Amino acid sequence: MKKPTKKKVPAVVKDDLSMPVWLQATRSFYLKLNRVAAGCGLSRYDTLTRGLDALLRETSKQQSPLNKKIKSESQRESFRKTMGQVSRKYWATLTPEEKRARAQKSANARWSRTDKTDGNG
């Protein structure tokens, strides 16, 4: 399967959201969709859904604060591995009660923050 080519996308993409997207799709789009779906053993719908999810994850990863600060891919990977090891070692030193308390504290902070942004809290 071919690797997708990276194209320069304008900061703001002009798109007519009132027009269904399939009206813009060409024959070659459907041929490629069929080929990719068959190659992956998925339905065309699942192929599009997973592709959109993967694109969103990749974009989020590219725009992460770490990637903005550290330009070298090898340095980013080294940093991620190191921080993962630090985290695993730290959590290995905690007792089950301490882990439970930390998880409860995080959950409480998450839920109270959600309530405030909803205007319910």
PDB file of N, CA and C in Angstrom:
ATOM      1  N   MET A   1       0.835  -1.176   0.000  1.00  0.00           N
ATOM      2  CA  MET A   1       0.000   0.000   0.000  1.00  0.00           C
ATOM      3  C   MET A   1       0.886   1.247   0.000  1.00  0.00           C
ATOM      4  N   LYS A   2       0.507   2.247  -0.744  1.00  0.00           N
ATOM      5  CA  LYS A   2       1.284   3.479  -0.836  1.00  0.00           C
ATOM      6  C   LYS A   2       1.201   4.283   0.451  1.00  0.00           C
ATOM      7  N   LYS A   3       2.294   4.974   0.772  1.00  0.00           N
ATOM      8  CA  LYS A   3       2.277   5.890   1.902  1.00  0.00           C
ATOM      9  C   LYS A   3       1.589   7.172   1.457  1.00  0.00           C
ATOM     10  N   PRO A   4       0.750   7.755   2.326  1.00  0.00           N
ATOM     11  CA  PRO A   4       0.104   9.005   1.932  1.00  0.00           C
ATOM     12  C   PRO A   4       1.142  10.116   1.816  1.00  0.00           C
ATOM     13  N   THR A   5       0.958  10.957   0.831  1.00  0.00           N
ATOM     14  CA  THR A   5       1.873  12.079   0.662  1.00  0.00           C
ATOM     15  C   THR A   5       1.421  13.218   1.549  1.00  0.00           C
ATOM     16  N   LYS A   6       2.372  13.903   2.126  1.00  0.00           N
ATOM     17  CA  LYS A   6       2.043  15.047   2.967  1.00  0.00           C
ATOM     18  C   LYS A   6       1.905  16.267   2.080  1.00  0.00           C
ATOM     19  N   LYS A   7       0.745  16.849   2.106  1.00  0.00           N
ATOM     20  CA  LYS A   7       0.494  18.034   1.313  1.00  0.00           C
ATOM     21  C   LYS A   7       0.384  19.228   2.241  1.00  0.00           C
ATOM     22  N   LYS A   8       0.849  20.343   1.769  1.00  0.00           N
ATOM     23  CA  LYS A   8       0.749  21.572   2.539  1.00  0.00           C
ATOM     24  C   LYS A   8      -0.711  22.008   2.532  1.00  0.00           C
ATOM     25  N   VAL A   9      -1.310  22.098   3.693  1.00  0.00           N
ATOM     26  CA  VAL A   9      -2.711  22.479   3.808  1.00  0.00           C
ATOM     27  C   VAL A   9      -2.773  23.901   4.328  1.00  0.00           C
ATOM     28  N   PRO A  10      -3.585  24.744   3.718  1.00  0.00           N
ATOM     29  CA  PRO A  10      -3.703  26.109   4.219  1.00  0.00           C
ATOM     30  C   PRO A  10      -4.230  26.124   5.649  1.00  0.00           C
ATOM     31  N   ALA A  11      -3.909  27.168   6.394  1.00  0.00           N
ATOM     32  CA  ALA A  11      -4.316  27.264   7.792  1.00  0.00           C
ATOM     33  C   ALA A  11      -5.834  27.166   7.924  1.00  0.00           C
ATOM     34  N   VAL A  12      -6.557  27.815   7.027  1.00  0.00           N
ATOM     35  CA  VAL A  12      -8.009  27.751   7.038  1.00  0.00           C
ATOM     36  C   VAL A  12      -8.450  27.142   5.713  1.00  0.00           C
ATOM     37  N   VAL A  13      -9.103  25.986   5.797  1.00  0.00           N
ATOM     38  CA  VAL A  13      -9.555  25.311   4.595  1.00  0.00           C
ATOM     39  C   VAL A  13     -10.968  25.780   4.290  1.00  0.00           C
ATOM     40  N   LYS A  14     -11.165  26.320   3.104  1.00  0.00           N
ATOM     41  CA  LYS A  14     -12.495  26.761   2.677  1.00  0.00           C
ATOM     42  C   LYS A  14     -13.245  25.531   2.191  1.00  0.00           C
ATOM     43  N   ASP A  15     -14.382  25.259   2.789  1.00  0.00           N
ATOM     44  CA  ASP A  15     -15.153  24.084   2.432  1.00  0.00           C
ATOM     45  C   ASP A  15     -16.625  24.452   2.524  1.00  0.00           C
ATOM     46  N   ASP A  16     -17.381  24.079   1.522  1.00  0.00           N
ATOM     47  CA  ASP A  16     -18.813  24.336   1.523  1.00  0.00           C
ATOM     48  C   ASP A  16     -19.479  23.250   2.369  1.00  0.00           C
ATOM     49  N   LEU A  17     -19.768  23.571   3.635  1.00  0.00           N
ATOM     50  CA  LEU A  17     -20.318  22.584   4.558  1.00  0.00           C
ATOM     51  C   LEU A  17     -21.785  22.284   4.280  1.00  0.00           C
ATOM     52  N   SER A  18     -22.414  23.073   3.433  1.00  0.00           N
ATOM     53  CA  SER A  18     -23.815  22.817   3.117  1.00  0.00           C
ATOM     54  C   SER A  18     -23.961  21.740   2.044  1.00  0.00           C
ATOM     55  N   MET A  19     -22.884  21.439   1.337  1.00  0.00           N
ATOM     56  CA  MET A  19     -22.920  20.447   0.272  1.00  0.00           C
ATOM     57  C   MET A  19     -22.402  19.107   0.799  1.00  0.00           C
ATOM     58  N   PRO A  20     -23.140  18.011   0.603  1.00  0.00           N
ATOM     59  CA  PRO A  20     -22.657  16.696   1.059  1.00  0.00           C
ATOM     60  C   PRO A  20     -21.297  16.386   0.442  1.00  0.00           C
ATOM     61  N   VAL A  21     -20.407  15.856   1.257  1.00  0.00           N
ATOM     62  CA  VAL A  21     -19.036  15.619   0.824  1.00  0.00           C
ATOM     63  C   VAL A  21     -18.954  14.606  -0.313  1.00  0.00           C
ATOM     64  N   TRP A  22     -19.875  13.630  -0.351  1.00  0.00           N
ATOM     65  CA  TRP A  22     -19.786  12.618  -1.400  1.00  0.00           C
ATOM     66  C   TRP A  22     -20.055  13.184  -2.788  1.00  0.00           C
ATOM     67  N   LEU A  23     -20.656  14.367  -2.867  1.00  0.00           N
ATOM     68  CA  LEU A  23     -20.853  14.988  -4.175  1.00  0.00           C
ATOM     69  C   LEU A  23     -19.533  15.513  -4.745  1.00  0.00           C
ATOM     70  N   GLN A  24     -18.555  15.718  -3.873  1.00  0.00           N
ATOM     71  CA  GLN A  24     -17.248  16.200  -4.308  1.00  0.00           C
ATOM     72  C   GLN A  24     -16.293  15.051  -4.638  1.00  0.00           C
ATOM     73  N   ALA A  25     -16.637  13.845  -4.188  1.00  0.00           N
ATOM     74  CA  ALA A  25     -15.749  12.691  -4.378  1.00  0.00           C
ATOM     75  C   ALA A  25     -15.743  12.265  -5.842  1.00  0.00           C
ATOM     76  N   THR A  26     -14.568  11.960  -6.333  1.00  0.00           N
ATOM     77  CA  THR A  26     -14.396  11.541  -7.722  1.00  0.00           C
ATOM     78  C   THR A  26     -14.359  10.015  -7.815  1.00  0.00           C
ATOM     79  N   ARG A  27     -14.359   9.536  -9.018  1.00  0.00           N
ATOM     80  CA  ARG A  27     -14.262   8.095  -9.252  1.00  0.00           C
ATOM     81  C   ARG A  27     -12.978   7.548  -8.645  1.00  0.00           C
ATOM     82  N   SER A  28     -11.882   8.272  -8.799  1.00  0.00           N
ATOM     83  CA  SER A  28     -10.604   7.794  -8.252  1.00  0.00           C
ATOM     84  C   SER A  28     -10.650   7.707  -6.727  1.00  0.00           C
ATOM     85  N   PHE A  29     -11.412   8.594  -6.078  1.00  0.00           N
ATOM     86  CA  PHE A  29     -11.569   8.531  -4.621  1.00  0.00           C
ATOM     87  C   PHE A  29     -12.220   7.209  -4.227  1.00  0.00           C
ATOM     88  N   TYR A  30     -13.303   6.847  -4.911  1.00  0.00           N
ATOM     89  CA  TYR A  30     -14.001   5.606  -4.578  1.00  0.00           C
ATOM     90  C   TYR A  30     -13.168   4.378  -4.913  1.00  0.00           C
ATOM     91  N   LEU A  31     -12.410   4.428  -5.995  1.00  0.00           N
ATOM     92  CA  LEU A  31     -11.524   3.313  -6.323  1.00  0.00           C
ATOM     93  C   LEU A  31     -10.475   3.131  -5.224  1.00  0.00           C
ATOM     94  N   LYS A  32      -9.913   4.246  -4.762  1.00  0.00           N
ATOM     95  CA  LYS A  32      -8.917   4.173  -3.686  1.00  0.00           C
ATOM     96  C   LYS A  32      -9.561   3.684  -2.389  1.00  0.00           C
ATOM     97  N   LEU A  33     -10.743   4.183  -2.073  1.00  0.00           N
ATOM     98  CA  LEU A  33     -11.457   3.743  -0.875  1.00  0.00           C
ATOM     99  C   LEU A  33     -11.714   2.245  -0.930  1.00  0.00           C
ATOM    100  N   ASN A  34     -12.175   1.751  -2.069  1.00  0.00           N
ATOM    101  CA  ASN A  34     -12.429   0.313  -2.221  1.00  0.00           C
ATOM    102  C   ASN A  34     -11.146  -0.490  -2.052  1.00  0.00           C
ATOM    103  N   ARG A  35     -10.053  -0.009  -2.643  1.00  0.00           N
ATOM    104  CA  ARG A  35      -8.767  -0.703  -2.577  1.00  0.00           C
ATOM    105  C   ARG A  35      -8.250  -0.752  -1.135  1.00  0.00           C
ATOM    106  N   VAL A  36      -8.321   0.366  -0.435  1.00  0.00           N
ATOM    107  CA  VAL A  36      -7.830   0.418   0.948  1.00  0.00           C
ATOM    108  C   VAL A  36      -8.707  -0.445   1.855  1.00  0.00           C
ATOM    109  N   ALA A  37     -10.021  -0.349   1.693  1.00  0.00           N
ATOM    110  CA  ALA A  37     -10.936  -1.143   2.517  1.00  0.00           C
ATOM    111  C   ALA A  37     -10.689  -2.635   2.321  1.00  0.00           C
ATOM    112  N   ALA A  38     -10.546  -3.046   1.057  1.00  0.00           N
ATOM    113  CA  ALA A  38     -10.293  -4.461   0.777  1.00  0.00           C
ATOM    114  C   ALA A  38      -8.939  -4.894   1.339  1.00  0.00           C
ATOM    115  N   GLY A  39      -7.938  -4.044   1.192  1.00  0.00           N
ATOM    116  CA  GLY A  39      -6.603  -4.360   1.703  1.00  0.00           C
ATOM    117  C   GLY A  39      -6.557  -4.488   3.212  1.00  0.00           C
ATOM    118  N   CYS A  40      -7.429  -3.732   3.903  1.00  0.00           N
ATOM    119  CA  CYS A  40      -7.460  -3.764   5.368  1.00  0.00           C
ATOM    120  C   CYS A  40      -8.509  -4.725   5.908  1.00  0.00           C
ATOM    121  N   GLY A  41      -9.324  -5.279   5.007  1.00  0.00           N
ATOM    122  CA  GLY A  41     -10.365  -6.199   5.452  1.00  0.00           C
ATOM    123  C   GLY A  41     -11.471  -5.509   6.225  1.00  0.00           C
ATOM    124  N   LEU A  42     -11.762  -4.270   5.852  1.00  0.00           N
ATOM    125  CA  LEU A  42     -12.794  -3.482   6.539  1.00  0.00           C
ATOM    126  C   LEU A  42     -13.870  -3.063   5.559  1.00  0.00           C
ATOM    127  N   SER A  43     -15.009  -2.653   6.114  1.00  0.00           N
ATOM    128  CA  SER A  43     -16.031  -2.056   5.262  1.00  0.00           C
ATOM    129  C   SER A  43     -15.545  -0.662   4.868  1.00  0.00           C
ATOM    130  N   ARG A  44     -16.142  -0.115   3.843  1.00  0.00           N
ATOM    131  CA  ARG A  44     -15.735   1.228   3.425  1.00  0.00           C
ATOM    132  C   ARG A  44     -16.015   2.248   4.524  1.00  0.00           C
ATOM    133  N   TYR A  45     -17.142   2.097   5.212  1.00  0.00           N
ATOM    134  CA  TYR A  45     -17.486   3.011   6.298  1.00  0.00           C
ATOM    135  C   TYR A  45     -16.459   2.931   7.425  1.00  0.00           C
ATOM    136  N   ASP A  46     -16.117   1.705   7.844  1.00  0.00           N
ATOM    137  CA  ASP A  46     -15.115   1.529   8.902  1.00  0.00           C
ATOM    138  C   ASP A  46     -13.760   2.073   8.479  1.00  0.00           C
ATOM    139  N   THR A  47     -13.430   1.902   7.201  1.00  0.00           N
ATOM    140  CA  THR A  47     -12.163   2.429   6.686  1.00  0.00           C
ATOM    141  C   THR A  47     -12.124   3.946   6.819  1.00  0.00           C
ATOM    142  N   LEU A  48     -13.205   4.608   6.416  1.00  0.00           N
ATOM    143  CA  LEU A  48     -13.261   6.068   6.533  1.00  0.00           C
ATOM    144  C   LEU A  48     -13.241   6.512   7.991  1.00  0.00           C
ATOM    145  N   THR A  49     -13.994   5.810   8.836  1.00  0.00           N
ATOM    146  CA  THR A  49     -14.043   6.177  10.256  1.00  0.00           C
ATOM    147  C   THR A  49     -12.670   6.048  10.912  1.00  0.00           C
ATOM    148  N   ARG A  50     -12.015   4.915  10.685  1.00  0.00           N
ATOM    149  CA  ARG A  50     -10.680   4.716  11.271  1.00  0.00           C
ATOM    150  C   ARG A  50      -9.665   5.690  10.686  1.00  0.00           C
ATOM    151  N   GLY A  51      -9.797   5.976   9.407  1.00  0.00           N
ATOM    152  CA  GLY A  51      -8.890   6.939   8.776  1.00  0.00           C
ATOM    153  C   GLY A  51      -9.043   8.323   9.369  1.00  0.00           C
ATOM    154  N   LEU A  52     -10.278   8.740   9.609  1.00  0.00           N
ATOM    155  CA  LEU A  52     -10.516  10.052  10.216  1.00  0.00           C
ATOM    156  C   LEU A  52      -9.978  10.100  11.636  1.00  0.00           C
ATOM    157  N   ASP A  53     -10.200   9.011  12.386  1.00  0.00           N
ATOM    158  CA  ASP A  53      -9.674   8.941  13.760  1.00  0.00           C
ATOM    159  C   ASP A  53      -8.147   9.011  13.764  1.00  0.00           C
ATOM    160  N   ALA A  54      -7.517   8.286  12.838  1.00  0.00           N
ATOM    161  CA  ALA A  54      -6.055   8.288  12.752  1.00  0.00           C
ATOM    162  C   ALA A  54      -5.531   9.668  12.375  1.00  0.00           C
ATOM    163  N   LEU A  55      -6.224  10.350  11.470  1.00  0.00           N
ATOM    164  CA  LEU A  55      -5.814  11.693  11.067  1.00  0.00           C
ATOM    165  C   LEU A  55      -5.907  12.659  12.244  1.00  0.00           C
ATOM    166  N   LEU A  56      -6.974  12.546  13.023  1.00  0.00           N
ATOM    167  CA  LEU A  56      -7.135  13.413  14.188  1.00  0.00           C
ATOM    168  C   LEU A  56      -6.049  13.142  15.232  1.00  0.00           C
ATOM    169  N   ARG A  57      -5.747  11.856  15.480  1.00  0.00           N
ATOM    170  CA  ARG A  57      -4.674  11.512  16.435  1.00  0.00           C
ATOM    171  C   ARG A  57      -3.332  12.062  15.959  1.00  0.00           C
ATOM    172  N   GLU A  58      -3.034  11.876  14.677  1.00  0.00           N
ATOM    173  CA  GLU A  58      -1.762  12.336  14.127  1.00  0.00           C
ATOM    174  C   GLU A  58      -1.635  13.857  14.215  1.00  0.00           C
ATOM    175  N   THR A  59      -2.712  14.563  13.902  1.00  0.00           N
ATOM    176  CA  THR A  59      -2.702  16.024  13.985  1.00  0.00           C
ATOM    177  C   THR A  59      -2.501  16.472  15.422  1.00  0.00           C
ATOM    178  N   SER A  60      -3.189  15.811  16.339  1.00  0.00           N
ATOM    179  CA  SER A  60      -3.053  16.144  17.759  1.00  0.00           C
ATOM    180  C   SER A  60      -1.622  15.903  18.226  1.00  0.00           C
ATOM    181  N   LYS A  61      -1.035  14.801  17.780  1.00  0.00           N
ATOM    182  CA  LYS A  61       0.342  14.473  18.151  1.00  0.00           C
ATOM    183  C   LYS A  61       1.315  15.514  17.594  1.00  0.00           C
ATOM    184  N   GLN A  62       1.114  15.902  16.328  1.00  0.00           N
ATOM    185  CA  GLN A  62       1.998  16.881  15.696  1.00  0.00           C
ATOM    186  C   GLN A  62       1.916  18.241  16.380  1.00  0.00           C
ATOM    187  N   GLN A  63       0.752  18.564  16.928  1.00  0.00           N
ATOM    188  CA  GLN A  63       0.558  19.872  17.546  1.00  0.00           C
ATOM    189  C   GLN A  63       0.769  19.856  19.047  1.00  0.00           C
ATOM    190  N   SER A  64       1.271  18.744  19.584  1.00  0.00           N
ATOM    191  CA  SER A  64       1.478  18.638  21.024  1.00  0.00           C
ATOM    192  C   SER A  64       2.584  19.592  21.469  1.00  0.00           C
ATOM    193  N   PRO A  65       2.510  20.053  22.714  1.00  0.00           N
ATOM    194  CA  PRO A  65       3.555  20.954  23.226  1.00  0.00           C
ATOM    195  C   PRO A  65       4.952  20.354  23.118  1.00  0.00           C
ATOM    196  N   LEU A  66       5.078  19.048  23.350  1.00  0.00           N
ATOM    197  CA  LEU A  66       6.393  18.397  23.254  1.00  0.00           C
ATOM    198  C   LEU A  66       6.950  18.523  21.843  1.00  0.00           C
ATOM    199  N   ASN A  67       6.121  18.244  20.841  1.00  0.00           N
ATOM    200  CA  ASN A  67       6.587  18.309  19.460  1.00  0.00           C
ATOM    201  C   ASN A  67       6.902  19.735  19.034  1.00  0.00           C
ATOM    202  N   LYS A  68       6.226  20.700  19.625  1.00  0.00           N
ATOM    203  CA  LYS A  68       6.511  22.097  19.289  1.00  0.00           C
ATOM    204  C   LYS A  68       7.859  22.533  19.866  1.00  0.00           C
ATOM    205  N   LYS A  69       8.218  21.993  21.027  1.00  0.00           N
ATOM    206  CA  LYS A  69       9.462  22.398  21.695  1.00  0.00           C
ATOM    207  C   LYS A  69      10.670  21.607  21.232  1.00  0.00           C
ATOM    208  N   ILE A  70      10.489  20.303  21.003  1.00  0.00           N
ATOM    209  CA  ILE A  70      11.608  19.445  20.611  1.00  0.00           C
ATOM    210  C   ILE A  70      11.421  19.077  19.148  1.00  0.00           C
ATOM    211  N   LYS A  71      12.285  19.583  18.295  1.00  0.00           N
ATOM    212  CA  LYS A  71      12.125  19.400  16.855  1.00  0.00           C
ATOM    213  C   LYS A  71      12.631  18.046  16.358  1.00  0.00           C
ATOM    214  N   SER A  72      13.589  17.452  17.030  1.00  0.00           N
ATOM    215  CA  SER A  72      14.182  16.190  16.578  1.00  0.00           C
ATOM    216  C   SER A  72      13.319  15.009  17.011  1.00  0.00           C
ATOM    217  N   GLU A  73      12.919  14.171  16.051  1.00  0.00           N
ATOM    218  CA  GLU A  73      12.092  13.004  16.343  1.00  0.00           C
ATOM    219  C   GLU A  73      12.798  12.055  17.314  1.00  0.00           C
ATOM    220  N   SER A  74      14.113  11.861  17.134  1.00  0.00           N
ATOM    221  CA  SER A  74      14.837  10.943  18.019  1.00  0.00           C
ATOM    222  C   SER A  74      14.886  11.483  19.452  1.00  0.00           C
ATOM    223  N   GLN A  75      15.029  12.789  19.606  1.00  0.00           N
ATOM    224  CA  GLN A  75      15.034  13.376  20.950  1.00  0.00           C
ATOM    225  C   GLN A  75      13.655  13.264  21.601  1.00  0.00           C
ATOM    226  N   ARG A  76      12.594  13.460  20.800  1.00  0.00           N
ATOM    227  CA  ARG A  76      11.236  13.334  21.352  1.00  0.00           C
ATOM    228  C   ARG A  76      10.990  11.907  21.823  1.00  0.00           C
ATOM    229  N   GLU A  77      11.410  10.940  21.012  1.00  0.00           N
ATOM    230  CA  GLU A  77      11.209   9.538  21.374  1.00  0.00           C
ATOM    231  C   GLU A  77      11.998   9.180  22.628  1.00  0.00           C
ATOM    232  N   SER A  78      13.223   9.665  22.723  1.00  0.00           N
ATOM    233  CA  SER A  78      14.055   9.422  23.889  1.00  0.00           C
ATOM    234  C   SER A  78      13.410  10.036  25.137  1.00  0.00           C
ATOM    235  N   PHE A  79      12.890  11.247  25.002  1.00  0.00           N
ATOM    236  CA  PHE A  79      12.229  11.926  26.123  1.00  0.00           C
ATOM    237  C   PHE A  79      10.998  11.136  26.570  1.00  0.00           C
ATOM    238  N   ARG A  80      10.187  10.670  25.620  1.00  0.00           N
ATOM    239  CA  ARG A  80       8.981   9.900  25.958  1.00  0.00           C
ATOM    240  C   ARG A  80       9.342   8.605  26.694  1.00  0.00           C
ATOM    241  N   LYS A  81      10.376   7.904  26.202  1.00  0.00           N
ATOM    242  CA  LYS A  81      10.792   6.665  26.849  1.00  0.00           C
ATOM    243  C   LYS A  81      11.267   6.932  28.276  1.00  0.00           C
ATOM    244  N   THR A  82      12.073   7.966  28.431  1.00  0.00           N
ATOM    245  CA  THR A  82      12.603   8.306  29.748  1.00  0.00           C
ATOM    246  C   THR A  82      11.487   8.657  30.717  1.00  0.00           C
ATOM    247  N   MET A  83      10.546   9.499  30.266  1.00  0.00           N
ATOM    248  CA  MET A  83       9.449   9.902  31.152  1.00  0.00           C
ATOM    249  C   MET A  83       8.544   8.711  31.474  1.00  0.00           C
ATOM    250  N   GLY A  84       8.377   7.791  30.542  1.00  0.00           N
ATOM    251  CA  GLY A  84       7.599   6.588  30.803  1.00  0.00           C
ATOM    252  C   GLY A  84       8.242   5.736  31.869  1.00  0.00           C
ATOM    253  N   GLN A  85       9.569   5.615  31.804  1.00  0.00           N
ATOM    254  CA  GLN A  85      10.295   4.844  32.817  1.00  0.00           C
ATOM    255  C   GLN A  85      10.194   5.502  34.180  1.00  0.00           C
ATOM    256  N   VAL A  86      10.325   6.828  34.213  1.00  0.00           N
ATOM    257  CA  VAL A  86      10.215   7.562  35.479  1.00  0.00           C
ATOM    258  C   VAL A  86       8.836   7.332  36.088  1.00  0.00           C
ATOM    259  N   SER A  87       7.801   7.432  35.260  1.00  0.00           N
ATOM    260  CA  SER A  87       6.432   7.255  35.736  1.00  0.00           C
ATOM    261  C   SER A  87       6.205   5.840  36.266  1.00  0.00           C
ATOM    262  N   ARG A  88       6.651   4.830  35.513  1.00  0.00           N
ATOM    263  CA  ARG A  88       6.476   3.440  35.964  1.00  0.00           C
ATOM    264  C   ARG A  88       7.199   3.191  37.280  1.00  0.00           C
ATOM    265  N   LYS A  89       8.416   3.704  37.403  1.00  0.00           N
ATOM    266  CA  LYS A  89       9.172   3.508  38.642  1.00  0.00           C
ATOM    267  C   LYS A  89       8.492   4.210  39.817  1.00  0.00           C
ATOM    268  N   TYR A  90       7.958   5.412  39.572  1.00  0.00           N
ATOM    269  CA  TYR A  90       7.276   6.145  40.641  1.00  0.00           C
ATOM    270  C   TYR A  90       6.039   5.372  41.106  1.00  0.00           C
ATOM    271  N   TRP A  91       5.203   4.932  40.163  1.00  0.00           N
ATOM    272  CA  TRP A  91       3.984   4.227  40.533  1.00  0.00           C
ATOM    273  C   TRP A  91       4.287   2.889  41.199  1.00  0.00           C
ATOM    274  N   ALA A  92       5.408   2.268  40.886  1.00  0.00           N
ATOM    275  CA  ALA A  92       5.792   1.002  41.504  1.00  0.00           C
ATOM    276  C   ALA A  92       6.136   1.187  42.976  1.00  0.00           C
ATOM    277  N   THR A  93       6.497   2.403  43.377  1.00  0.00           N
ATOM    278  CA  THR A  93       6.856   2.649  44.782  1.00  0.00           C
ATOM    279  C   THR A  93       5.637   2.922  45.657  1.00  0.00           C
ATOM    280  N   LEU A  94       4.477   3.174  45.053  1.00  0.00           N
ATOM    281  CA  LEU A  94       3.278   3.506  45.833  1.00  0.00           C
ATOM    282  C   LEU A  94       2.558   2.246  46.302  1.00  0.00           C
ATOM    283  N   THR A  95       1.946   2.338  47.476  1.00  0.00           N
ATOM    284  CA  THR A  95       1.119   1.247  47.973  1.00  0.00           C
ATOM    285  C   THR A  95      -0.228   1.298  47.247  1.00  0.00           C
ATOM    286  N   PRO A  96      -0.982   0.203  47.267  1.00  0.00           N
ATOM    287  CA  PRO A  96      -2.314   0.227  46.630  1.00  0.00           C
ATOM    288  C   PRO A  96      -3.217   1.326  47.199  1.00  0.00           C
ATOM    289  N   GLU A  97      -3.096   1.602  48.491  1.00  0.00           N
ATOM    290  CA  GLU A  97      -3.919   2.655  49.098  1.00  0.00           C
ATOM    291  C   GLU A  97      -3.529   4.033  48.554  1.00  0.00           C
ATOM    292  N   GLU A  98      -2.219   4.262  48.386  1.00  0.00           N
ATOM    293  CA  GLU A  98      -1.757   5.540  47.834  1.00  0.00           C
ATOM    294  C   GLU A  98      -2.200   5.703  46.376  1.00  0.00           C
ATOM    295  N   LYS A  99      -2.127   4.609  45.621  1.00  0.00           N
ATOM    296  CA  LYS A  99      -2.569   4.654  44.223  1.00  0.00           C
ATOM    297  C   LYS A  99      -4.057   4.990  44.143  1.00  0.00           C
ATOM    298  N   ARG A 100      -4.851   4.345  45.017  1.00  0.00           N
ATOM    299  CA  ARG A 100      -6.290   4.581  45.031  1.00  0.00           C
ATOM    300  C   ARG A 100      -6.587   6.030  45.394  1.00  0.00           C
ATOM    301  N   ALA A 101      -5.864   6.558  46.384  1.00  0.00           N
ATOM    302  CA  ALA A 101      -6.071   7.947  46.808  1.00  0.00           C
ATOM    303  C   ALA A 101      -5.715   8.917  45.679  1.00  0.00           C
ATOM    304  N   ARG A 102      -4.622   8.664  44.969  1.00  0.00           N
ATOM    305  CA  ARG A 102      -4.228   9.528  43.840  1.00  0.00           C
ATOM    306  C   ARG A 102      -5.269   9.489  42.729  1.00  0.00           C
ATOM    307  N   ALA A 103      -5.754   8.296  42.437  1.00  0.00           N
ATOM    308  CA  ALA A 103      -6.764   8.144  41.387  1.00  0.00           C
ATOM    309  C   ALA A 103      -8.047   8.871  41.778  1.00  0.00           C
ATOM    310  N   GLN A 104      -8.448   8.760  43.059  1.00  0.00           N
ATOM    311  CA  GLN A 104      -9.658   9.439  43.534  1.00  0.00           C
ATOM    312  C   GLN A 104      -9.490  10.953  43.459  1.00  0.00           C
ATOM    313  N   LYS A 105      -8.315  11.436  43.841  1.00  0.00           N
ATOM    314  CA  LYS A 105      -8.042  12.875  43.790  1.00  0.00           C
ATOM    315  C   LYS A 105      -8.112  13.389  42.351  1.00  0.00           C
ATOM    316  N   SER A 106      -7.541  12.628  41.416  1.00  0.00           N
ATOM    317  CA  SER A 106      -7.570  13.015  40.001  1.00  0.00           C
ATOM    318  C   SER A 106      -8.993  13.016  39.465  1.00  0.00           C
ATOM    319  N   ALA A 107      -9.755  11.990  39.828  1.00  0.00           N
ATOM    320  CA  ALA A 107     -11.144  11.907  39.367  1.00  0.00           C
ATOM    321  C   ALA A 107     -11.960  13.067  39.920  1.00  0.00           C
ATOM    322  N   ASN A 108     -11.771  13.380  41.191  1.00  0.00           N
ATOM    323  CA  ASN A 108     -12.502  14.505  41.798  1.00  0.00           C
ATOM    324  C   ASN A 108     -12.154  15.819  41.114  1.00  0.00           C
ATOM    325  N   ALA A 109     -10.872  16.016  40.814  1.00  0.00           N
ATOM    326  CA  ALA A 109     -10.450  17.252  40.140  1.00  0.00           C
ATOM    327  C   ALA A 109     -11.062  17.325  38.743  1.00  0.00           C
ATOM    328  N   ARG A 110     -11.078  16.210  38.053  1.00  0.00           N
ATOM    329  CA  ARG A 110     -11.641  16.168  36.701  1.00  0.00           C
ATOM    330  C   ARG A 110     -13.132  16.483  36.721  1.00  0.00           C
ATOM    331  N   TRP A 111     -13.866  15.868  37.641  1.00  0.00           N
ATOM    332  CA  TRP A 111     -15.307  16.077  37.688  1.00  0.00           C
ATOM    333  C   TRP A 111     -15.656  17.475  38.144  1.00  0.00           C
ATOM    334  N   SER A 112     -14.926  18.033  39.101  1.00  0.00           N
ATOM    335  CA  SER A 112     -15.257  19.396  39.564  1.00  0.00           C
ATOM    336  C   SER A 112     -14.930  20.406  38.479  1.00  0.00           C
ATOM    337  N   ARG A 113     -13.865  20.154  37.690  1.00  0.00           N
ATOM    338  CA  ARG A 113     -13.518  21.057  36.594  1.00  0.00           C
ATOM    339  C   ARG A 113     -14.600  21.013  35.529  1.00  0.00           C
ATOM    340  N   THR A 114     -15.119  19.817  35.228  1.00  0.00           N
ATOM    341  CA  THR A 114     -16.187  19.659  34.239  1.00  0.00           C
ATOM    342  C   THR A 114     -17.439  20.405  34.683  1.00  0.00           C
ATOM    343  N   ASP A 115     -17.784  20.275  35.968  1.00  0.00           N
ATOM    344  CA  ASP A 115     -18.974  20.963  36.478  1.00  0.00           C
ATOM    345  C   ASP A 115     -18.859  22.464  36.316  1.00  0.00           C
ATOM    346  N   LYS A 116     -17.690  23.034  36.575  1.00  0.00           N
ATOM    347  CA  LYS A 116     -17.507  24.491  36.474  1.00  0.00           C
ATOM    348  C   LYS A 116     -17.634  24.972  35.043  1.00  0.00           C
ATOM    349  N   THR A 117     -17.132  24.188  34.077  1.00  0.00           N
ATOM    350  CA  THR A 117     -17.198  24.620  32.691  1.00  0.00           C
ATOM    351  C   THR A 117     -18.604  24.485  32.135  1.00  0.00           C
ATOM    352  N   ASP A 118     -19.420  23.582  32.718  1.00  0.00           N
ATOM    353  CA  ASP A 118     -20.805  23.405  32.276  1.00  0.00           C
ATOM    354  C   ASP A 118     -21.694  24.526  32.769  1.00  0.00           C
ATOM    355  N   GLY A 119     -21.249  25.240  33.812  1.00  0.00           N
ATOM    356  CA  GLY A 119     -22.089  26.258  34.417  1.00  0.00           C
ATOM    357  C   GLY A 119     -23.016  25.660  35.468  1.00  0.00           C
ATOM    358  N   ASN A 120     -22.816  24.375  35.801  1.00  0.00           N
ATOM    359  CA  ASN A 120     -23.655  23.713  36.803  1.00  0.00           C
ATOM    360  C   ASN A 120     -23.038  23.764  38.201  1.00  0.00           C
ATOM    361  N   GLY A 121     -21.804  24.233  38.328  1.00  0.00           N
ATOM    362  CA  GLY A 121     -21.155  24.139  39.629  1.00  0.00           C
ATOM    363  C   GLY A 121     -20.693  25.407  40.192  1.00  0.00           C
TER     364      GLY A 121
END
